[in-house]
PDB file of N, CA and C in Angstrom:
ATOM      1  N   MET A   1      22.178  -7.167  26.062  1.00  0.00           N
ATOM      2  CA  MET A   1      20.893  -6.273  26.487  1.00  0.00           C
ATOM      3  C   MET A   1      21.511  -5.207  26.769  1.00  0.00           C
ATOM      4  N   ALA A   2      20.474  -4.333  26.885  1.00  0.00           N
ATOM      5  CA  ALA A   2      20.970  -2.525  27.431  1.00  0.00           C
ATOM      6  C   ALA A   2      20.798  -2.161  28.759  1.00  0.00           C
ATOM      7  N   ASN A   3      21.767  -1.280  29.401  1.00  0.00           N
ATOM      8  CA  ASN A   3      21.637  -1.176  30.468  1.00  0.00           C
ATOM      9  C   ASN A   3      21.326   0.075  30.645  1.00  0.00           C
ATOM     10  N   HIS A   4      21.286   1.191  30.131  1.00  0.00           N
ATOM     11  CA  HIS A   4      20.675   2.547  30.375  1.00  0.00           C
ATOM     12  C   HIS A   4      19.459   2.676  29.998  1.00  0.00           C
ATOM     13  N   VAL A   5      18.761   3.733  30.993  1.00  0.00           N
ATOM     14  CA  VAL A   5      17.643   3.730  30.983  1.00  0.00           C
ATOM     15  C   VAL A   5      16.888   4.084  29.386  1.00  0.00           C
ATOM     16  N   SER A   6      17.865   5.230  29.225  1.00  0.00           N
ATOM     17  CA  SER A   6      17.623   5.608  27.721  1.00  0.00           C
ATOM     18  C   SER A   6      17.498   4.768  26.846  1.00  0.00           C
ATOM     19  N   SER A   7      18.415   3.925  26.741  1.00  0.00           N
ATOM     20  CA  SER A   7      18.691   2.364  25.797  1.00  0.00           C
ATOM     21  C   SER A   7      17.801   1.552  25.850  1.00  0.00           C
ATOM     22  N   LEU A   8      16.981   1.586  27.105  1.00  0.00           N
ATOM     23  CA  LEU A   8      16.089   0.441  27.436  1.00  0.00           C
ATOM     24  C   LEU A   8      14.318   1.085  26.871  1.00  0.00           C
ATOM     25  N   LYS A   9      14.286   2.756  26.997  1.00  0.00           N
ATOM     26  CA  LYS A   9      13.399   3.521  26.351  1.00  0.00           C
ATOM     27  C   LYS A   9      12.967   2.672  24.650  1.00  0.00           C
ATOM     28  N   ARG A  10      14.512   3.141  24.258  1.00  0.00           N
ATOM     29  CA  ARG A  10      14.713   3.095  23.040  1.00  0.00           C
ATOM     30  C   ARG A  10      14.158   2.071  22.083  1.00  0.00           C
ATOM     31  N   VAL A  11      14.671   0.651  23.339  1.00  0.00           N
ATOM     32  CA  VAL A  11      14.333  -1.007  22.896  1.00  0.00           C
ATOM     33  C   VAL A  11      13.084  -0.837  22.708  1.00  0.00           C
ATOM     34  N   ARG A  12      12.056  -0.400  23.477  1.00  0.00           N
ATOM     35  CA  ARG A  12      10.473  -0.180  23.784  1.00  0.00           C
ATOM     36  C   ARG A  12      10.149   0.225  22.485  1.00  0.00           C
ATOM     37  N   ILE A  13      10.724   1.452  22.618  1.00  0.00           N
ATOM     38  CA  ILE A  13       9.758   2.124  21.439  1.00  0.00           C
ATOM     39  C   ILE A  13       9.971   1.418  19.999  1.00  0.00           C
ATOM     40  N   THR A  14      11.166   1.219  20.023  1.00  0.00           N
ATOM     41  CA  THR A  14      11.496   0.355  18.323  1.00  0.00           C
ATOM     42  C   THR A  14      10.637  -0.887  18.060  1.00  0.00           C
ATOM     43  N   GLU A  15      10.452  -1.394  19.383  1.00  0.00           N
ATOM     44  CA  GLU A  15       9.699  -2.770  18.983  1.00  0.00           C
ATOM     45  C   GLU A  15       8.117  -2.000  18.962  1.00  0.00           C
ATOM     46  N   ARG A  16       7.623  -1.260  19.787  1.00  0.00           N
ATOM     47  CA  ARG A  16       6.583  -0.526  18.918  1.00  0.00           C
ATOM     48  C   ARG A  16       5.909   0.028  17.421  1.00  0.00           C
ATOM     49  N   ARG A  17       7.276   0.551  17.263  1.00  0.00           N
ATOM     50  CA  ARG A  17       7.096   1.387  15.954  1.00  0.00           C
ATOM     51  C   ARG A  17       7.225   0.194  15.219  1.00  0.00           C
ATOM     52  N   THR A  18       7.978  -0.736  15.265  1.00  0.00           N
ATOM     53  CA  THR A  18       7.795  -2.484  14.181  1.00  0.00           C
ATOM     54  C   THR A  18       6.750  -2.893  14.082  1.00  0.00           C
ATOM     55  N   GLU A  19       6.141  -3.310  15.204  1.00  0.00           N
ATOM     56  CA  GLU A  19       4.736  -3.679  15.082  1.00  0.00           C
ATOM     57  C   GLU A  19       3.811  -2.627  14.499  1.00  0.00           C
ATOM     58  N   VAL A  20       3.931  -1.653  14.577  1.00  0.00           N
ATOM     59  CA  VAL A  20       3.004  -0.766  13.851  1.00  0.00           C
ATOM     60  C   VAL A  20       3.479  -0.940  12.728  1.00  0.00           C
ATOM     61  N   ASN A  21       4.923  -0.743  11.748  1.00  0.00           N
ATOM     62  CA  ASN A  21       5.104  -0.454  10.147  1.00  0.00           C
ATOM     63  C   ASN A  21       5.095  -1.918   9.772  1.00  0.00           C
ATOM     64  N   GLN A  22       4.684  -2.928  10.454  1.00  0.00           N
ATOM     65  CA  GLN A  22       4.542  -4.255   9.990  1.00  0.00           C
ATOM     66  C   GLN A  22       3.036  -3.977   9.487  1.00  0.00           C
ATOM     67  N   MET A  23       2.059  -3.852  10.719  1.00  0.00           N
ATOM     68  CA  MET A  23       0.970  -3.497  10.487  1.00  0.00           C
ATOM     69  C   MET A  23       0.408  -2.934   9.238  1.00  0.00           C
ATOM     70  N   ARG A  24       1.117  -1.869   8.828  1.00  0.00           N
ATOM     71  CA  ARG A  24       0.648  -0.820   7.539  1.00  0.00           C
ATOM     72  C   ARG A  24       1.343  -1.272   6.459  1.00  0.00           C
ATOM     73  N   ARG A  25       2.462  -2.123   6.447  1.00  0.00           N
ATOM     74  CA  ARG A  25       2.841  -2.772   5.522  1.00  0.00           C
ATOM     75  C   ARG A  25       2.038  -4.119   4.900  1.00  0.00           C
ATOM     76  N   SER A  26       1.332  -4.555   5.756  1.00  0.00           N
ATOM     77  CA  SER A  26       0.537  -5.732   5.388  1.00  0.00           C
ATOM     78  C   SER A  26      -0.834  -4.883   4.987  1.00  0.00           C
ATOM     79  N   ARG A  27      -1.211  -3.965   5.994  1.00  0.00           N
ATOM     80  CA  ARG A  27      -2.312  -3.204   5.289  1.00  0.00           C
ATOM     81  C   ARG A  27      -2.150  -2.576   3.779  1.00  0.00           C
ATOM     82  N   LEU A  28      -0.991  -2.325   3.259  1.00  0.00           N
ATOM     83  CA  LEU A  28      -0.093  -1.937   1.569  1.00  0.00           C
ATOM     84  C   LEU A  28      -0.685  -3.209   0.967  1.00  0.00           C
ATOM     85  N   ARG A  29       0.155  -3.886   1.497  1.00  0.00           N
ATOM     86  CA  ARG A  29       0.241  -5.179   0.458  1.00  0.00           C
ATOM     87  C   ARG A  29      -1.314  -5.912   0.472  1.00  0.00           C
ATOM     88  N   HIS A  30      -2.179  -6.013   1.061  1.00  0.00           N
ATOM     89  CA  HIS A  30      -3.625  -6.580   1.206  1.00  0.00           C
ATOM     90  C   HIS A  30      -4.221  -5.445   0.041  1.00  0.00           C
ATOM     91  N   ALA A  31      -4.056  -4.480  -0.104  1.00  0.00           N
ATOM     92  CA  ALA A  31      -4.782  -3.284  -0.739  1.00  0.00           C
ATOM     93  C   ALA A  31      -4.434  -3.719  -2.083  1.00  0.00           C
ATOM     94  N   ILE A  32      -3.144  -3.746  -2.627  1.00  0.00           N
ATOM     95  CA  ILE A  32      -2.706  -3.964  -3.704  1.00  0.00           C
ATOM     96  C   ILE A  32      -2.978  -5.280  -4.099  1.00  0.00           C
ATOM     97  N   ARG A  33      -2.998  -6.427  -3.272  1.00  0.00           N
ATOM     98  CA  ARG A  33      -3.679  -7.481  -3.798  1.00  0.00           C
ATOM     99  C   ARG A  33      -4.819  -7.608  -4.277  1.00  0.00           C
ATOM    100  N   ALA A  34      -5.727  -7.013  -3.459  1.00  0.00           N
ATOM    101  CA  ALA A  34      -7.041  -6.783  -3.684  1.00  0.00           C
ATOM    102  C   ALA A  34      -7.366  -6.446  -4.767  1.00  0.00           C
ATOM    103  N   MET A  35      -6.941  -4.909  -5.296  1.00  0.00           N
ATOM    104  CA  MET A  35      -6.888  -4.169  -6.367  1.00  0.00           C
ATOM    105  C   MET A  35      -6.479  -5.549  -7.503  1.00  0.00           C
ATOM    106  N   ARG A  36      -5.786  -5.892  -7.718  1.00  0.00           N
ATOM    107  CA  ARG A  36      -4.879  -6.802  -8.535  1.00  0.00           C
ATOM    108  C   ARG A  36      -5.534  -7.649  -9.138  1.00  0.00           C
ATOM    109  N   ARG A  37      -6.191  -8.566  -7.712  1.00  0.00           N
ATOM    110  CA  ARG A  37      -7.275  -9.925  -7.977  1.00  0.00           C
ATOM    111  C   ARG A  37      -8.415  -9.254  -8.582  1.00  0.00           C
ATOM    112  N   ALA A  38      -8.737  -8.026  -8.416  1.00  0.00           N
ATOM    113  CA  ALA A  38     -10.178  -7.133  -9.286  1.00  0.00           C
ATOM    114  C   ALA A  38      -9.680  -7.269 -10.520  1.00  0.00           C
ATOM    115  N   VAL A  39      -8.674  -6.663 -10.941  1.00  0.00           N
ATOM    116  CA  VAL A  39      -8.010  -6.748 -12.375  1.00  0.00           C
ATOM    117  C   VAL A  39      -7.938  -7.896 -13.056  1.00  0.00           C
ATOM    118  N   ASP A  40      -7.200  -8.705 -12.406  1.00  0.00           N
ATOM    119  CA  ASP A  40      -7.148 -10.325 -12.968  1.00  0.00           C
ATOM    120  C   ASP A  40      -8.439 -10.589 -13.636  1.00  0.00           C
ATOM    121  N   LYS A  41      -9.506 -10.686 -12.309  1.00  0.00           N
ATOM    122  CA  LYS A  41     -10.708 -11.099 -12.803  1.00  0.00           C
ATOM    123  C   LYS A  41     -11.516 -10.387 -14.107  1.00  0.00           C
ATOM    124  N   LYS A  42     -10.908  -9.397 -14.076  1.00  0.00           N
ATOM    125  CA  LYS A  42     -11.778  -8.271 -15.662  1.00  0.00           C
ATOM    126  C   LYS A  42     -13.344  -8.013 -14.600  1.00  0.00           C
ATOM    127  N   ASP A  43     -13.141  -7.408 -13.624  1.00  0.00           N
ATOM    128  CA  ASP A  43     -14.023  -7.078 -12.711  1.00  0.00           C
ATOM    129  C   ASP A  43     -13.924  -5.566 -12.872  1.00  0.00           C
ATOM    130  N   VAL A  44     -14.328  -4.439 -13.666  1.00  0.00           N
ATOM    131  CA  VAL A  44     -13.984  -3.170 -13.716  1.00  0.00           C
ATOM    132  C   VAL A  44     -14.849  -2.713 -12.504  1.00  0.00           C
ATOM    133  N   ALA A  45     -15.947  -2.583 -12.391  1.00  0.00           N
ATOM    134  CA  ALA A  45     -16.846  -2.075 -11.468  1.00  0.00           C
ATOM    135  C   ALA A  45     -15.769  -2.257  -9.752  1.00  0.00           C
ATOM    136  N   ALA A  46     -15.532  -3.365  -9.812  1.00  0.00           N
ATOM    137  CA  ALA A  46     -14.753  -3.713  -8.181  1.00  0.00           C
ATOM    138  C   ALA A  46     -13.617  -2.860  -7.967  1.00  0.00           C
ATOM    139  N   ALA A  47     -12.589  -2.916  -9.569  1.00  0.00           N
ATOM    140  CA  ALA A  47     -11.538  -2.337  -9.683  1.00  0.00           C
ATOM    141  C   ALA A  47     -11.582  -0.886  -9.379  1.00  0.00           C
ATOM    142  N   ALA A  48     -12.378  -0.258 -10.365  1.00  0.00           N
ATOM    143  CA  ALA A  48     -12.801   0.756 -10.063  1.00  0.00           C
ATOM    144  C   ALA A  48     -13.403   1.478  -8.729  1.00  0.00           C
ATOM    145  N   ALA A  49     -13.722   1.082  -8.196  1.00  0.00           N
ATOM    146  CA  ALA A  49     -14.408   1.260  -6.625  1.00  0.00           C
ATOM    147  C   ALA A  49     -13.023   0.681  -5.801  1.00  0.00           C
ATOM    148  N   LEU A  50     -12.591  -0.229  -5.903  1.00  0.00           N
ATOM    149  CA  LEU A  50     -10.843  -0.019  -5.061  1.00  0.00           C
ATOM    150  C   LEU A  50      -9.866   0.755  -5.479  1.00  0.00           C
ATOM    151  N   LEU A  51      -9.629   1.663  -6.636  1.00  0.00           N
ATOM    152  CA  LEU A  51      -9.138   2.311  -7.020  1.00  0.00           C
ATOM    153  C   LEU A  51      -8.667   3.602  -5.392  1.00  0.00           C
ATOM    154  N   PRO A  52      -9.541   4.240  -5.273  1.00  0.00           N
ATOM    155  CA  PRO A  52      -9.566   5.495  -4.812  1.00  0.00           C
ATOM    156  C   PRO A  52      -9.041   4.816  -3.284  1.00  0.00           C
ATOM    157  N   GLY A  53      -9.331   4.232  -2.783  1.00  0.00           N
ATOM    158  CA  GLY A  53      -9.137   3.488  -1.395  1.00  0.00           C
ATOM    159  C   GLY A  53      -7.417   3.195  -1.482  1.00  0.00           C
ATOM    160  N   THR A  54      -6.981   2.269  -2.678  1.00  0.00           N
ATOM    161  CA  THR A  54      -5.735   1.837  -2.687  1.00  0.00           C
ATOM    162  C   THR A  54      -4.906   2.593  -2.981  1.00  0.00           C
ATOM    163  N   PHE A  55      -5.052   4.078  -3.634  1.00  0.00           N
ATOM    164  CA  PHE A  55      -4.503   5.120  -3.879  1.00  0.00           C
ATOM    165  C   PHE A  55      -4.094   5.457  -2.618  1.00  0.00           C
ATOM    166  N   SER A  56      -5.206   6.005  -1.875  1.00  0.00           N
ATOM    167  CA  SER A  56      -4.990   6.417  -0.292  1.00  0.00           C
ATOM    168  C   SER A  56      -3.953   5.721   0.502  1.00  0.00           C
ATOM    169  N   VAL A  57      -4.323   4.314   0.412  1.00  0.00           N
ATOM    170  CA  VAL A  57      -3.347   3.259   1.110  1.00  0.00           C
ATOM    171  C   VAL A  57      -1.735   3.935   1.230  1.00  0.00           C
ATOM    172  N   ILE A  58      -2.145   3.444  -0.138  1.00  0.00           N
ATOM    173  CA  ILE A  58      -0.165   3.698  -0.982  1.00  0.00           C
ATOM    174  C   ILE A  58       0.326   5.038  -0.752  1.00  0.00           C
ATOM    175  N   ASP A  59      -0.512   6.030  -0.610  1.00  0.00           N
ATOM    176  CA  ASP A  59       0.055   7.279  -0.688  1.00  0.00           C
ATOM    177  C   ASP A  59       0.408   7.508   1.159  1.00  0.00           C
ATOM    178  N   ARG A  60      -0.496   6.693   1.833  1.00  0.00           N
ATOM    179  CA  ARG A  60      -0.121   7.265   3.317  1.00  0.00           C
ATOM    180  C   ARG A  60       1.150   6.354   3.486  1.00  0.00           C
ATOM    181  N   ALA A  61       1.038   5.126   3.023  1.00  0.00           N
ATOM    182  CA  ALA A  61       2.350   4.360   3.191  1.00  0.00           C
ATOM    183  C   ALA A  61       3.469   4.937   2.904  1.00  0.00           C
ATOM    184  N   ALA A  62       3.712   5.878   1.936  1.00  0.00           N
ATOM    185  CA  ALA A  62       4.701   6.926   1.333  1.00  0.00           C
ATOM    186  C   ALA A  62       4.921   7.690   2.367  1.00  0.00           C
ATOM    187  N   LYS A  63       3.964   8.366   2.948  1.00  0.00           N
ATOM    188  CA  LYS A  63       4.173   9.744   3.892  1.00  0.00           C
ATOM    189  C   LYS A  63       4.817   9.062   4.925  1.00  0.00           C
ATOM    190  N   TRP A  64       4.219   7.683   5.187  1.00  0.00           N
ATOM    191  CA  TRP A  64       5.081   7.457   6.549  1.00  0.00           C
ATOM    192  C   TRP A  64       6.485   6.655   6.601  1.00  0.00           C
ATOM    193  N   GLY A  65       7.053   6.225   5.289  1.00  0.00           N
ATOM    194  CA  GLY A  65       8.380   5.945   4.976  1.00  0.00           C
ATOM    195  C   GLY A  65       8.250   4.259   4.930  1.00  0.00           C
ATOM    196  N   ILE A  66       6.861   3.605   4.708  1.00  0.00           N
ATOM    197  CA  ILE A  66       6.480   2.299   4.970  1.00  0.00           C
ATOM    198  C   ILE A  66       7.743   1.953   3.365  1.00  0.00           C
ATOM    199  N   ILE A  67       7.044   2.686   2.274  1.00  0.00           N
ATOM    200  CA  ILE A  67       7.959   2.893   0.950  1.00  0.00           C
ATOM    201  C   ILE A  67       8.327   4.451   0.573  1.00  0.00           C
ATOM    202  N   LYS A  68       8.971   4.154  -0.673  1.00  0.00           N
ATOM    203  CA  LYS A  68       9.832   5.369  -0.986  1.00  0.00           C
ATOM    204  C   LYS A  68       8.628   6.104  -2.034  1.00  0.00           C
ATOM    205  N   ASP A  69       8.647   7.267  -2.337  1.00  0.00           N
ATOM    206  CA  ASP A  69       7.697   8.117  -3.286  1.00  0.00           C
ATOM    207  C   ASP A  69       7.561   7.774  -4.509  1.00  0.00           C
ATOM    208  N   ASN A  70       8.829   7.264  -5.190  1.00  0.00           N
ATOM    209  CA  ASN A  70       9.214   6.002  -6.435  1.00  0.00           C
ATOM    210  C   ASN A  70       8.452   5.268  -6.302  1.00  0.00           C
ATOM    211  N   THR A  71       8.623   4.738  -5.571  1.00  0.00           N
ATOM    212  CA  THR A  71       7.764   3.270  -5.398  1.00  0.00           C
ATOM    213  C   THR A  71       5.892   3.401  -5.408  1.00  0.00           C
ATOM    214  N   ALA A  72       6.083   4.474  -4.711  1.00  0.00           N
ATOM    215  CA  ALA A  72       4.194   4.634  -4.373  1.00  0.00           C
ATOM    216  C   ALA A  72       3.467   4.757  -5.914  1.00  0.00           C
ATOM    217  N   SER A  73       4.612   6.145  -6.547  1.00  0.00           N
ATOM    218  CA  SER A  73       4.218   6.598  -7.653  1.00  0.00           C
ATOM    219  C   SER A  73       4.234   5.147  -8.817  1.00  0.00           C
ATOM    220  N   ARG A  74       5.065   4.262  -8.514  1.00  0.00           N
ATOM    221  CA  ARG A  74       5.316   3.481  -9.490  1.00  0.00           C
ATOM    222  C   ARG A  74       3.908   2.197  -9.517  1.00  0.00           C
ATOM    223  N   TYR A  75       3.661   2.217  -8.250  1.00  0.00           N
ATOM    224  CA  TYR A  75       2.712   1.209  -8.046  1.00  0.00           C
ATOM    225  C   TYR A  75       1.245   1.534  -8.794  1.00  0.00           C
ATOM    226  N   LYS A  76       0.825   3.221  -8.566  1.00  0.00           N
ATOM    227  CA  LYS A  76      -0.376   3.817  -8.882  1.00  0.00           C
ATOM    228  C   LYS A  76      -0.197   3.719 -10.138  1.00  0.00           C
ATOM    229  N   ALA A  77       0.719   3.916 -10.964  1.00  0.00           N
ATOM    230  CA  ALA A  77       0.790   4.227 -12.033  1.00  0.00           C
ATOM    231  C   ALA A  77       0.687   2.889 -12.936  1.00  0.00           C
ATOM    232  N   ARG A  78       1.034   1.811 -12.369  1.00  0.00           N
ATOM    233  CA  ARG A  78       0.772   0.491 -13.152  1.00  0.00           C
ATOM    234  C   ARG A  78      -0.607  -0.063 -12.934  1.00  0.00           C
ATOM    235  N   LEU A  79      -1.166  -0.089 -11.296  1.00  0.00           N
ATOM    236  CA  LEU A  79      -2.721  -0.011 -11.324  1.00  0.00           C
ATOM    237  C   LEU A  79      -3.293   0.610 -12.482  1.00  0.00           C
ATOM    238  N   HIS A  80      -3.157   1.889 -12.076  1.00  0.00           N
ATOM    239  CA  HIS A  80      -4.320   2.657 -12.919  1.00  0.00           C
ATOM    240  C   HIS A  80      -3.848   2.461 -14.726  1.00  0.00           C
ATOM    241  N   LYS A  81      -2.930   2.211 -14.756  1.00  0.00           N
ATOM    242  CA  LYS A  81      -2.495   1.610 -16.301  1.00  0.00           C
ATOM    243  C   LYS A  81      -3.256   0.366 -16.991  1.00  0.00           C
ATOM    244  N   ARG A  82      -3.556  -0.957 -15.853  1.00  0.00           N
ATOM    245  CA  ARG A  82      -3.955  -1.965 -15.751  1.00  0.00           C
ATOM    246  C   ARG A  82      -5.735  -1.538 -15.985  1.00  0.00           C
ATOM    247  N   LEU A  83      -6.040  -0.415 -15.036  1.00  0.00           N
ATOM    248  CA  LEU A  83      -7.525  -0.387 -14.949  1.00  0.00           C
ATOM    249  C   LEU A  83      -7.833   0.436 -16.270  1.00  0.00           C
ATOM    250  N   LYS A  84      -7.222   1.071 -16.801  1.00  0.00           N
ATOM    251  CA  LYS A  84      -7.569   1.659 -18.040  1.00  0.00           C
ATOM    252  C   LYS A  84      -7.881   0.588 -19.168  1.00  0.00           C
ATOM    253  N   ALA A  85      -6.869  -0.271 -19.501  1.00  0.00           N
ATOM    254  CA  ALA A  85      -6.670  -1.055 -20.216  1.00  0.00           C
ATOM    255  C   ALA A  85      -7.817  -2.192 -20.408  1.00  0.00           C
ATOM    256  N   LEU A  86      -8.351  -2.019 -18.816  1.00  0.00           N
ATOM    257  CA  LEU A  86      -9.561  -2.928 -18.828  1.00  0.00           C
ATOM    258  C   LEU A  86     -10.707  -2.059 -19.628  1.00  0.00           C
ATOM    259  N   GLU A  87     -10.902  -0.931 -19.117  1.00  0.00           N
ATOM    260  CA  GLU A  87     -12.096   0.145 -19.246  1.00  0.00           C
ATOM    261  C   GLU A  87     -12.433  -0.144 -21.020  1.00  0.00           C
ATOM    262  N   ALA A  88     -10.941   0.179 -22.053  1.00  0.00           N
ATOM    263  CA  ALA A  88     -10.664   0.561 -23.081  1.00  0.00           C
ATOM    264  C   ALA A  88     -11.811  -0.084 -23.926  1.00  0.00           C
ATOM    265  N   PRO A  89     -11.620  -1.620 -24.041  1.00  0.00           N
ATOM    266  CA  PRO A  89     -12.721  -2.212 -24.335  1.00  0.00           C
ATOM    267  C   PRO A  89     -13.876  -1.877 -24.668  1.00  0.00           C
ATOM    268  N   VAL A  90     -14.469  -1.942 -23.135  1.00  0.00           N
ATOM    269  CA  VAL A  90     -15.840  -1.998 -23.341  1.00  0.00           C
ATOM    270  C   VAL A  90     -16.316   0.337 -23.265  1.00  0.00           C
ATOM    271  N   ALA A  91     -15.579   0.625 -23.783  1.00  0.00           N
ATOM    272  CA  ALA A  91     -15.589   2.344 -24.149  1.00  0.00           C
ATOM    273  C   ALA A  91     -15.941   2.191 -25.765  1.00  0.00           C
ATOM    274  N   ALA A  92     -14.937   1.740 -26.014  1.00  0.00           N
ATOM    275  CA  ALA A  92     -14.777   1.571 -28.005  1.00  0.00           C
ATOM    276  C   ALA A  92     -16.110   0.706 -28.485  1.00  0.00           C
TER     277      ALA A  92
END
């Protein structure tokens, strides 16, 4: 265990930041999961409604360093591609 005051402070800060990061990562996973479930159920209206919120959560996670920028772009591209594939037969 750390003995220096600064080391003890870093331990406290790390514990708090770990908790915040876990909460943010969990929020990201839940948003992506909800979007994927809506697409899997072929519910275009629900998926379209979830899209902006999900993209916002993904962008914020990338900004905070929870995920990398390219990972965020990949998630967004794949979700959007799946939604467009659902919308295509309806429009045609």
